[in-house]
């Protein structure tokens, strides 16, 4: 893992802070204080690129819809293919939560 080089008290503190957030509103507040708007947009863009790659979209379609560069798309694709499966894990959990929410609303 690339991030192993960063392991330590400060990064642990960051990740523990993120894990402590209770809902979407807390995430918005925390990340608004922590990051610039551009940093948040870049992270969100990468996740969207991962979702679109996973669903079989072409580079051109992804570039057009997200504004991501081909370099960003390639990097995300490399992570999907050779990374830690974290994009896959997160996207699957988001999908499950959406499905659970739909089922709850239909009951």
PDB file of N, CA and C in Angstrom:
ATOM      1  N   UNK A   1       0.837  -1.183   0.000  1.00  0.00           N
ATOM      2  CA  UNK A   1       0.000   0.000   0.000  1.00  0.00           C
ATOM      3  C   UNK A   1       0.881   1.245   0.000  1.00  0.00           C
ATOM      4  N   UNK A   2       0.561   2.171  -0.874  1.00  0.00           N
ATOM      5  CA  UNK A   2       1.294   3.432  -0.946  1.00  0.00           C
ATOM      6  C   UNK A   2       1.200   4.227   0.353  1.00  0.00           C
ATOM      7  N   UNK A   3       0.047   4.158   0.977  1.00  0.00           N
ATOM      8  CA  UNK A   3      -0.208   4.994   2.150  1.00  0.00           C
ATOM      9  C   UNK A   3       0.569   4.520   3.383  1.00  0.00           C
ATOM     10  N   UNK A   4       1.116   3.314   3.329  1.00  0.00           N
ATOM     11  CA  UNK A   4       1.894   2.814   4.461  1.00  0.00           C
ATOM     12  C   UNK A   4       3.020   3.776   4.839  1.00  0.00           C
ATOM     13  N   UNK A   5       3.553   4.482   3.844  1.00  0.00           N
ATOM     14  CA  UNK A   5       4.622   5.454   4.104  1.00  0.00           C
ATOM     15  C   UNK A   5       4.145   6.589   4.997  1.00  0.00           C
ATOM     16  N   UNK A   6       2.839   6.831   5.015  1.00  0.00           N
ATOM     17  CA  UNK A   6       2.276   7.938   5.802  1.00  0.00           C
ATOM     18  C   UNK A   6       1.767   7.513   7.173  1.00  0.00           C
ATOM     19  N   UNK A   7       1.761   6.214   7.418  1.00  0.00           N
ATOM     20  CA  UNK A   7       1.213   5.737   8.699  1.00  0.00           C
ATOM     21  C   UNK A   7       1.870   6.442   9.872  1.00  0.00           C
ATOM     22  N   UNK A   8       1.040   6.786  10.823  1.00  0.00           N
ATOM     23  CA  UNK A   8       1.547   7.449  12.010  1.00  0.00           C
ATOM     24  C   UNK A   8       0.426   8.141  12.755  1.00  0.00           C
ATOM     25  N   UNK A   9       0.784   8.811  13.823  1.00  0.00           N
ATOM     26  CA  UNK A   9      -0.183   9.435  14.717  1.00  0.00           C
ATOM     27  C   UNK A   9      -1.102  10.426  13.999  1.00  0.00           C
ATOM     28  N   UNK A  10      -0.540  11.272  13.140  1.00  0.00           N
ATOM     29  CA  UNK A  10      -1.350  12.307  12.493  1.00  0.00           C
ATOM     30  C   UNK A  10      -2.358  11.719  11.512  1.00  0.00           C
ATOM     31  N   UNK A  11      -1.932  10.750  10.713  1.00  0.00           N
ATOM     32  CA  UNK A  11      -2.852  10.141   9.749  1.00  0.00           C
ATOM     33  C   UNK A  11      -3.880   9.285  10.496  1.00  0.00           C
ATOM     34  N   UNK A  12      -3.446   8.579  11.540  1.00  0.00           N
ATOM     35  CA  UNK A  12      -4.394   7.829  12.373  1.00  0.00           C
ATOM     36  C   UNK A  12      -5.464   8.771  12.925  1.00  0.00           C
ATOM     37  N   UNK A  13      -5.033   9.927  13.404  1.00  0.00           N
ATOM     38  CA  UNK A  13      -5.968  10.916  13.960  1.00  0.00           C
ATOM     39  C   UNK A  13      -6.976  11.362  12.899  1.00  0.00           C
ATOM     40  N   UNK A  14      -6.485  11.617  11.679  1.00  0.00           N
ATOM     41  CA  UNK A  14      -7.372  12.022  10.584  1.00  0.00           C
ATOM     42  C   UNK A  14      -8.406  10.944  10.314  1.00  0.00           C
ATOM     43  N   UNK A  15      -7.967   9.709  10.159  1.00  0.00           N
ATOM     44  CA  UNK A  15      -8.893   8.630   9.830  1.00  0.00           C
ATOM     45  C   UNK A  15      -9.871   8.360  10.974  1.00  0.00           C
ATOM     46  N   UNK A  16      -9.406   8.458  12.214  1.00  0.00           N
ATOM     47  CA  UNK A  16     -10.312   8.292  13.359  1.00  0.00           C
ATOM     48  C   UNK A  16     -11.354   9.406  13.379  1.00  0.00           C
ATOM     49  N   UNK A  17     -10.941  10.619  13.031  1.00  0.00           N
ATOM     50  CA  UNK A  17     -11.888  11.735  12.960  1.00  0.00           C
ATOM     51  C   UNK A  17     -12.958  11.459  11.906  1.00  0.00           C
ATOM     52  N   UNK A  18     -12.533  10.971  10.744  1.00  0.00           N
ATOM     53  CA  UNK A  18     -13.492  10.660   9.674  1.00  0.00           C
ATOM     54  C   UNK A  18     -14.447   9.553  10.118  1.00  0.00           C
ATOM     55  N   UNK A  19     -13.899   8.528  10.759  1.00  0.00           N
ATOM     56  CA  UNK A  19     -14.741   7.430  11.237  1.00  0.00           C
ATOM     57  C   UNK A  19     -15.715   7.861  12.335  1.00  0.00           C
ATOM     58  N   UNK A  20     -15.416   8.963  13.016  1.00  0.00           N
ATOM     59  CA  UNK A  20     -16.297   9.438  14.083  1.00  0.00           C
ATOM     60  C   UNK A  20     -17.508  10.205  13.567  1.00  0.00           C
ATOM     61  N   UNK A  21     -17.497  10.593  12.295  1.00  0.00           N
ATOM     62  CA  UNK A  21     -18.597  11.378  11.738  1.00  0.00           C
ATOM     63  C   UNK A  21     -19.855  10.530  11.678  1.00  0.00           C
ATOM     64  N   UNK A  22     -20.974  11.120  12.090  1.00  0.00           N
ATOM     65  CA  UNK A  22     -22.197  10.340  12.272  1.00  0.00           C
ATOM     66  C   UNK A  22     -23.164  10.372  11.098  1.00  0.00           C
ATOM     67  N   UNK A  23     -23.096  11.429  10.291  1.00  0.00           N
ATOM     68  CA  UNK A  23     -24.046  11.509   9.177  1.00  0.00           C
ATOM     69  C   UNK A  23     -23.500  12.420   8.087  1.00  0.00           C
ATOM     70  N   UNK A  24     -24.262  12.535   7.016  1.00  0.00           N
ATOM     71  CA  UNK A  24     -23.854  13.318   5.864  1.00  0.00           C
ATOM     72  C   UNK A  24     -23.600  14.779   6.231  1.00  0.00           C
ATOM     73  N   UNK A  25     -24.455  15.343   7.054  1.00  0.00           N
ATOM     74  CA  UNK A  25     -24.300  16.752   7.445  1.00  0.00           C
ATOM     75  C   UNK A  25     -22.987  16.964   8.202  1.00  0.00           C
ATOM     76  N   UNK A  26     -22.641  16.050   9.109  1.00  0.00           N
ATOM     77  CA  UNK A  26     -21.362  16.158   9.814  1.00  0.00           C
ATOM     78  C   UNK A  26     -20.193  16.055   8.832  1.00  0.00           C
ATOM     79  N   UNK A  27     -20.327  15.194   7.826  1.00  0.00           N
ATOM     80  CA  UNK A  27     -19.277  15.079   6.806  1.00  0.00           C
ATOM     81  C   UNK A  27     -19.109  16.393   6.059  1.00  0.00           C
ATOM     82  N   UNK A  28     -20.214  16.994   5.652  1.00  0.00           N
ATOM     83  CA  UNK A  28     -20.135  18.291   4.968  1.00  0.00           C
ATOM     84  C   UNK A  28     -19.426  19.318   5.841  1.00  0.00           C
ATOM     85  N   UNK A  29     -19.796  19.384   7.101  1.00  0.00           N
ATOM     86  CA  UNK A  29     -19.194  20.375   8.007  1.00  0.00           C
ATOM     87  C   UNK A  29     -17.706  20.114   8.210  1.00  0.00           C
ATOM     88  N   UNK A  30     -17.350  18.858   8.462  1.00  0.00           N
ATOM     89  CA  UNK A  30     -15.956  18.503   8.716  1.00  0.00           C
ATOM     90  C   UNK A  30     -15.082  18.777   7.497  1.00  0.00           C
ATOM     91  N   UNK A  31     -15.513  18.282   6.346  1.00  0.00           N
ATOM     92  CA  UNK A  31     -14.705  18.456   5.139  1.00  0.00           C
ATOM     93  C   UNK A  31     -14.664  19.903   4.673  1.00  0.00           C
ATOM     94  N   UNK A  32     -15.694  20.685   4.984  1.00  0.00           N
ATOM     95  CA  UNK A  32     -15.678  22.110   4.669  1.00  0.00           C
ATOM     96  C   UNK A  32     -14.567  22.807   5.445  1.00  0.00           C
ATOM     97  N   UNK A  33     -14.376  22.398   6.691  1.00  0.00           N
ATOM     98  CA  UNK A  33     -13.296  22.968   7.508  1.00  0.00           C
ATOM     99  C   UNK A  33     -11.934  22.398   7.120  1.00  0.00           C
ATOM    100  N   UNK A  34     -11.888  21.140   6.736  1.00  0.00           N
ATOM    101  CA  UNK A  34     -10.625  20.439   6.499  1.00  0.00           C
ATOM    102  C   UNK A  34     -10.021  20.717   5.126  1.00  0.00           C
ATOM    103  N   UNK A  35     -10.857  20.772   4.099  1.00  0.00           N
ATOM    104  CA  UNK A  35     -10.379  20.802   2.716  1.00  0.00           C
ATOM    105  C   UNK A  35     -10.846  22.051   1.983  1.00  0.00           C
ATOM    106  N   UNK A  36     -10.167  22.327   0.899  1.00  0.00           N
ATOM    107  CA  UNK A  36     -10.654  23.363  -0.008  1.00  0.00           C
ATOM    108  C   UNK A  36     -11.781  22.752  -0.846  1.00  0.00           C
ATOM    109  N   UNK A  37     -12.559  23.612  -1.460  1.00  0.00           N
ATOM    110  CA  UNK A  37     -13.626  23.143  -2.340  1.00  0.00           C
ATOM    111  C   UNK A  37     -13.034  22.297  -3.466  1.00  0.00           C
ATOM    112  N   UNK A  38     -11.909  22.727  -4.018  1.00  0.00           N
ATOM    113  CA  UNK A  38     -11.273  21.970  -5.108  1.00  0.00           C
ATOM    114  C   UNK A  38     -10.812  20.590  -4.660  1.00  0.00           C
ATOM    115  N   UNK A  39     -10.298  20.479  -3.438  1.00  0.00           N
ATOM    116  CA  UNK A  39      -9.867  19.173  -2.923  1.00  0.00           C
ATOM    117  C   UNK A  39     -11.056  18.225  -2.788  1.00  0.00           C
ATOM    118  N   UNK A  40     -12.153  18.734  -2.261  1.00  0.00           N
ATOM    119  CA  UNK A  40     -13.358  17.907  -2.106  1.00  0.00           C
ATOM    120  C   UNK A  40     -13.880  17.495  -3.476  1.00  0.00           C
ATOM    121  N   UNK A  41     -13.911  18.431  -4.421  1.00  0.00           N
ATOM    122  CA  UNK A  41     -14.377  18.114  -5.770  1.00  0.00           C
ATOM    123  C   UNK A  41     -13.487  17.061  -6.430  1.00  0.00           C
ATOM    124  N   UNK A  42     -12.181  17.143  -6.220  1.00  0.00           N
ATOM    125  CA  UNK A  42     -11.258  16.153  -6.799  1.00  0.00           C
ATOM    126  C   UNK A  42     -11.511  14.762  -6.238  1.00  0.00           C
ATOM    127  N   UNK A  43     -11.710  14.673  -4.939  1.00  0.00           N
ATOM    128  CA  UNK A  43     -11.995  13.373  -4.319  1.00  0.00           C
ATOM    129  C   UNK A  43     -13.314  12.808  -4.832  1.00  0.00           C
ATOM    130  N   UNK A  44     -14.332  13.659  -4.881  1.00  0.00           N
ATOM    131  CA  UNK A  44     -15.647  13.226  -5.363  1.00  0.00           C
ATOM    132  C   UNK A  44     -15.568  12.797  -6.828  1.00  0.00           C
ATOM    133  N   UNK A  45     -14.794  13.542  -7.607  1.00  0.00           N
ATOM    134  CA  UNK A  45     -14.625  13.222  -9.027  1.00  0.00           C
ATOM    135  C   UNK A  45     -13.989  11.843  -9.205  1.00  0.00           C
ATOM    136  N   UNK A  46     -12.965  11.545  -8.417  1.00  0.00           N
ATOM    137  CA  UNK A  46     -12.298  10.244  -8.534  1.00  0.00           C
ATOM    138  C   UNK A  46     -13.252   9.101  -8.218  1.00  0.00           C
ATOM    139  N   UNK A  47     -14.078   9.289  -7.197  1.00  0.00           N
ATOM    140  CA  UNK A  47     -15.040   8.248  -6.846  1.00  0.00           C
ATOM    141  C   UNK A  47     -16.058   8.058  -7.970  1.00  0.00           C
ATOM    142  N   UNK A  48     -16.500   9.159  -8.572  1.00  0.00           N
ATOM    143  CA  UNK A  48     -17.436   9.068  -9.690  1.00  0.00           C
ATOM    144  C   UNK A  48     -16.786   8.396 -10.891  1.00  0.00           C
ATOM    145  N   UNK A  49     -15.523   8.711 -11.154  1.00  0.00           N
ATOM    146  CA  UNK A  49     -14.782   8.047 -12.233  1.00  0.00           C
ATOM    147  C   UNK A  49     -14.727   6.545 -11.970  1.00  0.00           C
ATOM    148  N   UNK A  50     -14.455   6.162 -10.732  1.00  0.00           N
ATOM    149  CA  UNK A  50     -14.404   4.733 -10.380  1.00  0.00           C
ATOM    150  C   UNK A  50     -15.754   4.073 -10.629  1.00  0.00           C
ATOM    151  N   UNK A  51     -16.824   4.742 -10.224  1.00  0.00           N
ATOM    152  CA  UNK A  51     -18.161   4.184 -10.436  1.00  0.00           C
ATOM    153  C   UNK A  51     -18.425   3.988 -11.924  1.00  0.00           C
ATOM    154  N   UNK A  52     -18.085   4.992 -12.721  1.00  0.00           N
ATOM    155  CA  UNK A  52     -18.350   4.919 -14.154  1.00  0.00           C
ATOM    156  C   UNK A  52     -17.483   3.854 -14.835  1.00  0.00           C
ATOM    157  N   UNK A  53     -16.224   3.754 -14.442  1.00  0.00           N
ATOM    158  CA  UNK A  53     -15.358   2.703 -14.992  1.00  0.00           C
ATOM    159  C   UNK A  53     -15.923   1.326 -14.665  1.00  0.00           C
ATOM    160  N   UNK A  54     -16.331   1.176 -13.433  1.00  0.00           N
ATOM    161  CA  UNK A  54     -16.894  -0.086 -12.962  1.00  0.00           C
ATOM    162  C   UNK A  54     -18.130  -0.477 -13.773  1.00  0.00           C
ATOM    163  N   UNK A  55     -18.885   0.532 -14.212  1.00  0.00           N
ATOM    164  CA  UNK A  55     -20.100   0.281 -14.980  1.00  0.00           C
ATOM    165  C   UNK A  55     -19.840   0.217 -16.478  1.00  0.00           C
ATOM    166  N   UNK A  56     -18.554   0.314 -16.876  1.00  0.00           N
ATOM    167  CA  UNK A  56     -18.200   0.093 -18.269  1.00  0.00           C
ATOM    168  C   UNK A  56     -18.214   1.308 -19.182  1.00  0.00           C
ATOM    169  N   UNK A  57     -18.287   2.491 -18.631  1.00  0.00           N
ATOM    170  CA  UNK A  57     -18.258   3.701 -19.455  1.00  0.00           C
ATOM    171  C   UNK A  57     -16.890   3.870 -20.124  1.00  0.00           C
ATOM    172  N   UNK A  58     -16.892   4.505 -21.276  1.00  0.00           N
ATOM    173  CA  UNK A  58     -15.641   4.766 -21.993  1.00  0.00           C
ATOM    174  C   UNK A  58     -14.923   5.961 -21.365  1.00  0.00           C
ATOM    175  N   UNK A  59     -13.621   6.052 -21.637  1.00  0.00           N
ATOM    176  CA  UNK A  59     -12.847   7.200 -21.168  1.00  0.00           C
ATOM    177  C   UNK A  59     -13.471   8.504 -21.658  1.00  0.00           C
ATOM    178  N   UNK A  60     -13.876   8.518 -22.936  1.00  0.00           N
ATOM    179  CA  UNK A  60     -14.444   9.739 -23.520  1.00  0.00           C
ATOM    180  C   UNK A  60     -15.707  10.162 -22.770  1.00  0.00           C
ATOM    181  N   UNK A  61     -16.592   9.222 -22.503  1.00  0.00           N
ATOM    182  CA  UNK A  61     -17.847   9.518 -21.789  1.00  0.00           C
ATOM    183  C   UNK A  61     -17.535  10.014 -20.374  1.00  0.00           C
ATOM    184  N   UNK A  62     -16.588   9.369 -19.702  1.00  0.00           N
ATOM    185  CA  UNK A  62     -16.219   9.761 -18.338  1.00  0.00           C
ATOM    186  C   UNK A  62     -15.620  11.165 -18.341  1.00  0.00           C
ATOM    187  N   UNK A  63     -14.738  11.415 -19.295  1.00  0.00           N
ATOM    188  CA  UNK A  63     -14.094  12.721 -19.424  1.00  0.00           C
ATOM    189  C   UNK A  63     -15.144  13.809 -19.651  1.00  0.00           C
ATOM    190  N   UNK A  64     -16.103  13.524 -20.525  1.00  0.00           N
ATOM    191  CA  UNK A  64     -17.158  14.485 -20.855  1.00  0.00           C
ATOM    192  C   UNK A  64     -18.059  14.758 -19.651  1.00  0.00           C
ATOM    193  N   UNK A  65     -18.464  13.709 -18.959  1.00  0.00           N
ATOM    194  CA  UNK A  65     -19.424  13.865 -17.863  1.00  0.00           C
ATOM    195  C   UNK A  65     -18.807  14.391 -16.572  1.00  0.00           C
ATOM    196  N   UNK A  66     -17.557  14.029 -16.302  1.00  0.00           N
ATOM    197  CA  UNK A  66     -16.957  14.412 -15.012  1.00  0.00           C
ATOM    198  C   UNK A  66     -15.954  15.545 -15.121  1.00  0.00           C
ATOM    199  N   UNK A  67     -15.413  15.753 -16.313  1.00  0.00           N
ATOM    200  CA  UNK A  67     -14.354  16.741 -16.476  1.00  0.00           C
ATOM    201  C   UNK A  67     -12.992  16.220 -16.050  1.00  0.00           C
ATOM    202  N   UNK A  68     -12.924  14.946 -15.703  1.00  0.00           N
ATOM    203  CA  UNK A  68     -11.652  14.344 -15.284  1.00  0.00           C
ATOM    204  C   UNK A  68     -10.710  14.220 -16.474  1.00  0.00           C
ATOM    205  N   UNK A  69      -9.427  14.392 -16.214  1.00  0.00           N
ATOM    206  CA  UNK A  69      -8.426  14.213 -17.267  1.00  0.00           C
ATOM    207  C   UNK A  69      -8.230  12.719 -17.527  1.00  0.00           C
ATOM    208  N   UNK A  70      -7.673  12.403 -18.682  1.00  0.00           N
ATOM    209  CA  UNK A  70      -7.384  10.994 -18.967  1.00  0.00           C
ATOM    210  C   UNK A  70      -6.359  10.450 -17.984  1.00  0.00           C
ATOM    211  N   UNK A  71      -5.478  11.306 -17.489  1.00  0.00           N
ATOM    212  CA  UNK A  71      -4.497  10.861 -16.480  1.00  0.00           C
ATOM    213  C   UNK A  71      -5.200  10.432 -15.198  1.00  0.00           C
ATOM    214  N   UNK A  72      -6.199  11.211 -14.774  1.00  0.00           N
ATOM    215  CA  UNK A  72      -6.966  10.861 -13.573  1.00  0.00           C
ATOM    216  C   UNK A  72      -7.742   9.575 -13.802  1.00  0.00           C
ATOM    217  N   UNK A  73      -8.369   9.464 -14.953  1.00  0.00           N
ATOM    218  CA  UNK A  73      -9.138   8.258 -15.270  1.00  0.00           C
ATOM    219  C   UNK A  73      -8.224   7.034 -15.271  1.00  0.00           C
ATOM    220  N   UNK A  74      -7.040   7.171 -15.861  1.00  0.00           N
ATOM    221  CA  UNK A  74      -6.074   6.064 -15.898  1.00  0.00           C
ATOM    222  C   UNK A  74      -5.623   5.679 -14.496  1.00  0.00           C
ATOM    223  N   UNK A  75      -5.377   6.678 -13.666  1.00  0.00           N
ATOM    224  CA  UNK A  75      -4.942   6.391 -12.297  1.00  0.00           C
ATOM    225  C   UNK A  75      -6.017   5.642 -11.528  1.00  0.00           C
ATOM    226  N   UNK A  76      -7.259   6.097 -11.653  1.00  0.00           N
ATOM    227  CA  UNK A  76      -8.364   5.424 -10.973  1.00  0.00           C
ATOM    228  C   UNK A  76      -8.518   3.999 -11.510  1.00  0.00           C
ATOM    229  N   UNK A  77      -8.402   3.839 -12.825  1.00  0.00           N
ATOM    230  CA  UNK A  77      -8.513   2.499 -13.414  1.00  0.00           C
ATOM    231  C   UNK A  77      -7.417   1.587 -12.881  1.00  0.00           C
ATOM    232  N   UNK A  78      -6.206   2.115 -12.749  1.00  0.00           N
ATOM    233  CA  UNK A  78      -5.095   1.328 -12.205  1.00  0.00           C
ATOM    234  C   UNK A  78      -5.413   0.891 -10.774  1.00  0.00           C
ATOM    235  N   UNK A  79      -5.997   1.793  -9.999  1.00  0.00           N
ATOM    236  CA  UNK A  79      -6.379   1.428  -8.625  1.00  0.00           C
ATOM    237  C   UNK A  79      -7.474   0.371  -8.617  1.00  0.00           C
ATOM    238  N   UNK A  80      -8.426   0.505  -9.528  1.00  0.00           N
ATOM    239  CA  UNK A  80      -9.484  -0.511  -9.611  1.00  0.00           C
ATOM    240  C   UNK A  80      -8.909  -1.879  -9.964  1.00  0.00           C
ATOM    241  N   UNK A  81      -7.934  -1.884 -10.865  1.00  0.00           N
ATOM    242  CA  UNK A  81      -7.361  -3.150 -11.321  1.00  0.00           C
ATOM    243  C   UNK A  81      -6.300  -3.725 -10.394  1.00  0.00           C
ATOM    244  N   UNK A  82      -5.498  -2.865  -9.804  1.00  0.00           N
ATOM    245  CA  UNK A  82      -4.326  -3.347  -9.053  1.00  0.00           C
ATOM    246  C   UNK A  82      -4.232  -2.807  -7.631  1.00  0.00           C
ATOM    247  N   UNK A  83      -5.233  -2.082  -7.195  1.00  0.00           N
ATOM    248  CA  UNK A  83      -5.178  -1.450  -5.885  1.00  0.00           C
ATOM    249  C   UNK A  83      -5.659  -2.353  -4.764  1.00  0.00           C
ATOM    250  N   UNK A  84      -6.205  -1.739  -3.752  1.00  0.00           N
ATOM    251  CA  UNK A  84      -6.624  -2.432  -2.530  1.00  0.00           C
ATOM    252  C   UNK A  84      -8.107  -2.814  -2.523  1.00  0.00           C
ATOM    253  N   UNK A  85      -8.778  -2.663  -3.663  1.00  0.00           N
ATOM    254  CA  UNK A  85     -10.215  -2.927  -3.791  1.00  0.00           C
ATOM    255  C   UNK A  85     -11.067  -1.989  -2.939  1.00  0.00           C
ATOM    256  N   UNK A  86     -10.511  -0.856  -2.549  1.00  0.00           N
ATOM    257  CA  UNK A  86     -11.240   0.075  -1.690  1.00  0.00           C
ATOM    258  C   UNK A  86     -12.343   0.812  -2.437  1.00  0.00           C
ATOM    259  N   UNK A  87     -12.082   1.200  -3.698  1.00  0.00           N
ATOM    260  CA  UNK A  87     -13.156   1.821  -4.482  1.00  0.00           C
ATOM    261  C   UNK A  87     -14.325   0.850  -4.578  1.00  0.00           C
ATOM    262  N   UNK A  88     -14.011  -0.394  -4.915  1.00  0.00           N
ATOM    263  CA  UNK A  88     -15.032  -1.436  -5.060  1.00  0.00           C
ATOM    264  C   UNK A  88     -15.833  -1.585  -3.764  1.00  0.00           C
ATOM    265  N   UNK A  89     -15.129  -1.658  -2.643  1.00  0.00           N
ATOM    266  CA  UNK A  89     -15.763  -1.820  -1.341  1.00  0.00           C
ATOM    267  C   UNK A  89     -16.693  -0.643  -1.054  1.00  0.00           C
ATOM    268  N   UNK A  90     -16.191   0.564  -1.229  1.00  0.00           N
ATOM    269  CA  UNK A  90     -16.984   1.759  -0.912  1.00  0.00           C
ATOM    270  C   UNK A  90     -18.194   1.879  -1.833  1.00  0.00           C
ATOM    271  N   UNK A  91     -17.993   1.669  -3.131  1.00  0.00           N
ATOM    272  CA  UNK A  91     -19.106   1.779  -4.074  1.00  0.00           C
ATOM    273  C   UNK A  91     -20.169   0.717  -3.803  1.00  0.00           C
ATOM    274  N   UNK A  92     -19.746  -0.471  -3.446  1.00  0.00           N
ATOM    275  CA  UNK A  92     -20.695  -1.541  -3.132  1.00  0.00           C
ATOM    276  C   UNK A  92     -21.499  -1.185  -1.877  1.00  0.00           C
ATOM    277  N   UNK A  93     -20.841  -0.622  -0.891  1.00  0.00           N
ATOM    278  CA  UNK A  93     -21.543  -0.231   0.342  1.00  0.00           C
ATOM    279  C   UNK A  93     -22.528   0.905   0.084  1.00  0.00           C
ATOM    280  N   UNK A  94     -22.152   1.852  -0.750  1.00  0.00           N
ATOM    281  CA  UNK A  94     -23.066   2.944  -1.109  1.00  0.00           C
ATOM    282  C   UNK A  94     -24.301   2.365  -1.799  1.00  0.00           C
ATOM    283  N   UNK A  95     -24.064   1.427  -2.700  1.00  0.00           N
ATOM    284  CA  UNK A  95     -25.163   0.779  -3.425  1.00  0.00           C
ATOM    285  C   UNK A  95     -26.079   0.034  -2.457  1.00  0.00           C
ATOM    286  N   UNK A  96     -25.491  -0.693  -1.514  1.00  0.00           N
ATOM    287  CA  UNK A  96     -26.276  -1.436  -0.517  1.00  0.00           C
ATOM    288  C   UNK A  96     -27.101  -0.484   0.338  1.00  0.00           C
ATOM    289  N   UNK A  97     -26.494   0.626   0.758  1.00  0.00           N
ATOM    290  CA  UNK A  97     -27.217   1.613   1.570  1.00  0.00           C
ATOM    291  C   UNK A  97     -28.384   2.209   0.796  1.00  0.00           C
ATOM    292  N   UNK A  98     -28.162   2.475  -0.493  1.00  0.00           N
ATOM    293  CA  UNK A  98     -29.239   3.014  -1.323  1.00  0.00           C
ATOM    294  C   UNK A  98     -30.372   2.003  -1.448  1.00  0.00           C
ATOM    295  N   UNK A  99     -30.018   0.732  -1.628  1.00  0.00           N
ATOM    296  CA  UNK A  99     -31.033  -0.318  -1.728  1.00  0.00           C
ATOM    297  C   UNK A  99     -31.783  -0.478  -0.422  1.00  0.00           C
ATOM    298  N   UNK A 100     -31.063  -0.428   0.713  1.00  0.00           N
ATOM    299  CA  UNK A 100     -31.705  -0.527   2.026  1.00  0.00           C
ATOM    300  C   UNK A 100     -32.665   0.641   2.230  1.00  0.00           C
ATOM    301  N   UNK A 101     -32.259   1.808   1.808  1.00  0.00           N
ATOM    302  CA  UNK A 101     -33.077   3.006   1.939  1.00  0.00           C
ATOM    303  C   UNK A 101     -34.353   2.888   1.111  1.00  0.00           C
ATOM    304  N   UNK A 102     -34.221   2.362  -0.114  1.00  0.00           N
ATOM    305  CA  UNK A 102     -35.398   2.160  -0.970  1.00  0.00           C
ATOM    306  C   UNK A 102     -36.373   1.183  -0.339  1.00  0.00           C
ATOM    307  N   UNK A 103     -35.826   0.081   0.224  1.00  0.00           N
ATOM    308  CA  UNK A 103     -36.681  -0.927   0.849  1.00  0.00           C
ATOM    309  C   UNK A 103     -37.383  -0.359   2.059  1.00  0.00           C
ATOM    310  N   UNK A 104     -36.692   0.441   2.848  1.00  0.00           N
ATOM    311  CA  UNK A 104     -37.276   1.053   4.038  1.00  0.00           C
ATOM    312  C   UNK A 104     -38.395   2.013   3.647  1.00  0.00           C
ATOM    313  N   UNK A 105     -38.194   2.754   2.575  1.00  0.00           N
ATOM    314  CA  UNK A 105     -39.199   3.719   2.128  1.00  0.00           C
ATOM    315  C   UNK A 105     -40.422   3.070   1.524  1.00  0.00           C
ATOM    316  N   UNK A 106     -40.295   1.822   1.054  1.00  0.00           N
ATOM    317  CA  UNK A 106     -41.430   1.123   0.433  1.00  0.00           C
ATOM    318  C   UNK A 106     -42.226   0.326   1.439  1.00  0.00           C
ATOM    319  N   UNK A 107     -41.746   0.232   2.669  1.00  0.00           N
ATOM    320  CA  UNK A 107     -42.437  -0.574   3.688  1.00  0.00           C
ATOM    321  C   UNK A 107     -43.519   0.227   4.350  1.00  0.00           C
TER     322      UNK A 107
END
